Amino acid sequence: MLDREAVGEFLHDELEEVGIEVPKDIRKGSLVETFCQYVEEDYYEWLRDNFESFFDHGDPDWGRIREKVRRVE
């Protein structure tokens, strides 16, 4: 779950930097929440895709995985 306060600050800075003005009828909190949900949906899809790839679509190569694990230990 994203830190809504951090995302709000990020959006404020980025929108200001590129010169985008948010319409007055869109509340900042609603925009932040909507953007967070958008990012989280994309993030979970990205995780699923990487899970499938990492575990070879249900037929994991445990030798390859062990080697990757050893590199981080």
Protein backbone atom coordinates (compact mmCIF):
# COMPACT_ATOMS: atom_id res chain seq x y z
CA MET A 1 0.00 0.00 0.00
CA LEU A 2 1.35 3.39 -0.95
CA ASP A 3 1.94 6.20 1.52
CA ARG A 4 -0.81 8.62 0.52
CA GLU A 5 0.96 11.61 2.08
CA ALA A 6 4.17 10.90 0.16
CA VAL A 7 2.22 10.39 -3.06
CA GLY A 8 0.38 13.67 -2.48
CA GLU A 9 3.67 15.52 -2.13
CA PHE A 10 5.04 13.75 -5.20
CA LEU A 11 1.98 14.68 -7.28
CA HIS A 12 2.13 18.29 -6.10
CA ASP A 13 5.79 18.61 -7.09
CA GLU A 14 5.47 16.80 -10.41
CA LEU A 15 2.32 18.62 -11.50
CA GLU A 16 3.92 21.94 -10.62
CA GLU A 17 7.12 21.03 -12.47
CA VAL A 18 5.31 20.23 -15.73
CA GLY A 19 2.82 23.08 -15.35
CA ILE A 20 -0.36 21.03 -14.97
CA GLU A 21 -3.13 22.78 -13.06
CA VAL A 22 -5.69 20.48 -11.46
CA PRO A 23 -9.29 21.61 -12.05
CA LYS A 24 -10.86 23.19 -8.97
CA ASP A 25 -13.68 20.62 -8.87
CA ILE A 26 -11.19 17.77 -8.23
CA ARG A 27 -10.22 17.54 -4.58
CA LYS A 28 -6.55 16.87 -3.87
CA GLY A 29 -7.37 13.90 -1.62
CA SER A 30 -9.55 12.32 -4.29
CA LEU A 31 -6.87 12.81 -6.92
CA VAL A 32 -4.22 11.28 -4.66
CA GLU A 33 -6.43 8.28 -3.84
CA THR A 34 -7.34 7.72 -7.49
CA PHE A 35 -3.71 7.94 -8.57
CA CYS A 36 -2.66 5.53 -5.78
CA GLN A 37 -5.27 3.00 -6.85
CA TYR A 38 -4.12 3.33 -10.46
CA VAL A 39 -0.50 2.71 -9.47
CA GLU A 40 -1.37 -0.16 -7.11
CA GLU A 41 -3.39 -1.94 -9.79
CA ASP A 42 -0.47 -1.66 -12.19
CA TYR A 43 1.95 -2.74 -9.45
CA TYR A 44 0.00 -5.92 -8.65
CA GLU A 45 -0.20 -6.80 -12.34
CA TRP A 46 3.54 -6.25 -12.61
CA LEU A 47 4.09 -8.53 -9.57
CA ARG A 48 1.91 -11.26 -11.09
CA ASP A 49 3.81 -11.10 -14.38
CA ASN A 50 7.14 -11.29 -12.59
CA PHE A 51 5.92 -14.16 -10.39
CA GLU A 52 5.02 -16.14 -13.50
CA SER A 53 8.40 -15.42 -15.06
CA PHE A 54 10.44 -16.06 -11.90
CA PHE A 55 8.71 -19.37 -11.25
CA ASP A 56 8.71 -20.39 -14.94
CA HIS A 57 4.93 -20.46 -15.25
CA GLY A 58 4.48 -23.13 -12.59
CA ASP A 59 7.54 -25.22 -13.44
CA PRO A 60 10.26 -23.53 -11.37
CA ASP A 61 13.94 -24.06 -12.07
CA TRP A 62 15.03 -24.45 -8.45
CA GLY A 63 18.70 -24.52 -9.39
CA ARG A 64 18.41 -21.06 -10.98
CA ILE A 65 16.37 -19.80 -8.03
CA ARG A 66 18.89 -21.18 -5.52
CA GLU A 67 21.66 -19.33 -7.35
CA LYS A 68 19.70 -16.08 -7.17
CA VAL A 69 19.01 -16.66 -3.46
CA ARG A 70 22.73 -17.27 -2.79
CA ARG A 71 23.59 -13.94 -4.44
CA VAL A 72 21.45 -12.02 -1.94
CA GLU A 73 22.48 -13.93 1.20
